[in-house]
C-alpha cells in the first residue's frame, strides 16, 4: 500500500452542515475515471426538427471505482465503517479536487499465495454533489 497518505477525508457532522476531519487516505493505485451525464432530453417537433429540454437537474455525476493494493487492516475497517454507517464523506485529493458522496460497495481480494497474506480492495463511490 502506498505510504503517501495525501487525500484528506471529512465526514459530514450530524448537524448536516459542517464537516469534521476524519482521516487521510493514500491515493488509489488505479486511475480514476469520473463521468458527468446530461439529463437533457431531445424531442421531435411536429415539423421534424429537434428540441432540447433541460430539466431542473441538468446533469448527474456517475459512480466511479477506486482500487488500493496491499491495504492495511485499519484502512479496510475505515472504508467498511463508512459503508456500515452510511456516512456522507468529502474527499479532498492531493490536487485539491473535491469529491462529496458515499461509498456504495466494497470488494476485498484476499491474495492467499502471498506471505504474509495481502488484501487488495476496490470500492464504488457515488458523488452526490
Protein backbone atom coordinates (compact mmCIF):
# COMPACT_ATOMS: atom_id res chain seq x y z
CA UNK A 1 0.00 0.00 0.00
CA UNK A 2 1.20 3.48 -0.77
CA UNK A 3 2.89 5.22 2.15
CA UNK A 4 1.75 8.66 0.98
CA UNK A 5 -1.50 9.47 2.80
CA UNK A 6 -2.30 12.60 0.88
CA UNK A 7 -6.09 12.54 0.47
CA UNK A 8 -7.91 14.15 3.38
CA UNK A 9 -11.26 12.64 4.38
CA UNK A 10 -14.03 14.61 6.10
CA UNK A 11 -17.29 13.22 7.50
CA UNK A 12 -20.50 15.26 7.50
CA UNK A 13 -21.39 16.24 11.06
CA UNK A 14 -24.80 15.34 12.49
CA UNK A 15 -25.86 18.99 12.03
CA UNK A 16 -25.82 18.33 8.27
CA UNK A 17 -23.75 21.45 7.60
CA UNK A 18 -20.22 21.17 8.96
CA UNK A 19 -17.51 18.70 8.03
CA UNK A 20 -15.22 17.02 10.57
CA UNK A 21 -11.74 15.86 9.57
CA UNK A 22 -11.72 12.09 9.94
CA UNK A 23 -8.55 10.62 8.48
CA UNK A 24 -6.22 10.59 5.49
CA UNK A 25 -6.18 8.05 2.67
CA UNK A 26 -3.47 7.08 0.25
CA UNK A 27 -4.20 7.82 -3.37
CA UNK A 28 -5.85 4.92 -5.18
CA UNK A 29 -3.46 2.68 -7.09
CA UNK A 30 -5.54 2.85 -10.23
CA UNK A 31 -6.54 5.75 -12.46
CA UNK A 32 -9.90 7.38 -11.65
CA UNK A 33 -12.46 7.73 -14.39
CA UNK A 34 -15.22 10.16 -13.47
CA UNK A 35 -18.25 10.75 -15.62
CA UNK A 36 -20.84 13.50 -15.84
CA UNK A 37 -24.08 12.75 -17.70
CA UNK A 38 -26.52 15.30 -19.03
CA UNK A 39 -30.20 14.87 -18.18
CA UNK A 40 -31.14 16.87 -21.27
CA UNK A 41 -33.84 15.27 -23.40
CA UNK A 42 -34.29 15.52 -27.14
CA UNK A 43 -37.81 15.55 -28.55
CA UNK A 44 -39.03 15.57 -32.14
CA UNK A 45 -41.20 18.52 -33.07
CA UNK A 46 -44.15 18.29 -35.47
CA UNK A 47 -42.04 19.78 -38.29
CA UNK A 48 -39.33 17.13 -37.78
CA UNK A 49 -36.86 19.43 -36.03
CA UNK A 50 -35.36 18.51 -32.68
CA UNK A 51 -35.87 20.44 -29.47
CA UNK A 52 -33.72 20.13 -26.38
CA UNK A 53 -35.39 20.17 -22.97
CA UNK A 54 -33.30 20.96 -19.92
CA UNK A 55 -34.80 19.69 -16.65
CA UNK A 56 -34.17 21.42 -13.33
CA UNK A 57 -31.41 18.91 -12.50
CA UNK A 58 -29.31 19.29 -15.63
CA UNK A 59 -26.66 16.65 -15.01
CA UNK A 60 -25.69 13.79 -12.74
CA UNK A 61 -22.30 12.55 -11.67
CA UNK A 62 -21.97 8.82 -12.12
CA UNK A 63 -20.41 6.49 -9.56
CA UNK A 64 -16.74 5.66 -10.02
CA UNK A 65 -14.39 2.98 -8.74
CA UNK A 66 -11.23 3.25 -6.67
CA UNK A 67 -8.75 0.45 -6.00
CA UNK A 68 -5.95 0.05 -3.48
CA UNK A 69 -3.34 -2.71 -3.45
CA UNK A 70 -1.77 -4.30 -0.35
CA UNK A 71 -4.01 -2.50 2.14
CA UNK A 72 -3.80 -2.44 5.92
CA UNK A 73 -6.49 -3.79 8.25
CA UNK A 74 -7.18 -0.32 9.68
CA UNK A 75 -7.67 1.14 6.20
CA UNK A 76 -10.09 -1.66 5.25
CA UNK A 77 -12.01 -1.19 8.52
CA UNK A 78 -12.29 2.55 7.90
CA UNK A 79 -13.83 2.05 4.44
CA UNK A 80 -16.09 -0.67 5.84
CA UNK A 81 -17.35 1.65 8.60
CA UNK A 82 -18.24 4.39 6.09
CA UNK A 83 -20.50 1.88 4.32
CA UNK A 84 -21.93 0.36 7.52
CA UNK A 85 -22.94 3.74 8.93
CA UNK A 86 -23.96 5.34 5.61
CA UNK A 87 -21.54 8.21 6.18
CA UNK A 88 -21.54 11.09 3.73
CA UNK A 89 -17.91 11.97 3.18
CA UNK A 90 -15.85 14.61 1.45
CA UNK A 91 -12.57 13.57 -0.13
CA UNK A 92 -10.01 16.26 -0.90
CA UNK A 93 -7.39 14.89 -3.28
CA UNK A 94 -3.70 15.77 -3.43
CA UNK A 95 -4.54 18.24 -6.22
CA UNK A 96 -7.39 19.87 -4.28
CA UNK A 97 -10.18 18.19 -6.24
CA UNK A 98 -13.22 17.55 -4.04
CA UNK A 99 -15.49 14.50 -4.18
CA UNK A 100 -18.59 14.51 -1.95
CA UNK A 101 -20.73 11.40 -1.66
CA UNK A 102 -20.95 7.90 -0.25
CA UNK A 103 -19.25 4.56 -0.73
CA UNK A 104 -21.74 2.16 -2.31
CA UNK A 105 -19.81 -1.08 -2.21
CA UNK A 106 -16.60 -2.66 -1.04
CA UNK A 107 -14.85 -5.61 -2.67
CA UNK A 108 -11.92 -7.28 -0.95
CA UNK A 109 -9.48 -9.58 -2.72
CA UNK A 110 -7.50 -11.86 -0.42
CA UNK A 111 -4.18 -12.78 -2.03
CA UNK A 112 -3.78 -16.15 -0.32
CA UNK A 113 -0.50 -17.03 -2.02
CA UNK A 114 1.33 -14.03 -0.58
CA UNK A 115 3.37 -14.35 2.58
CA UNK A 116 2.18 -12.68 4.72
CA UNK A 117 -1.36 -12.56 3.33
CA UNK A 118 -2.20 -9.40 1.44
CA UNK A 119 -5.51 -7.71 0.63
CA UNK A 120 -6.50 -5.52 -2.28
CA UNK A 121 -9.76 -3.60 -2.15
CA UNK A 122 -12.00 -1.93 -4.69
CA UNK A 123 -14.83 0.45 -3.80
CA UNK A 124 -17.51 2.27 -5.71
CA UNK A 125 -18.07 5.90 -4.74
CA UNK A 126 -21.23 7.80 -5.73
CA UNK A 127 -20.90 11.56 -5.89
CA UNK A 128 -23.95 13.33 -4.52
CA UNK A 129 -22.96 16.95 -5.07
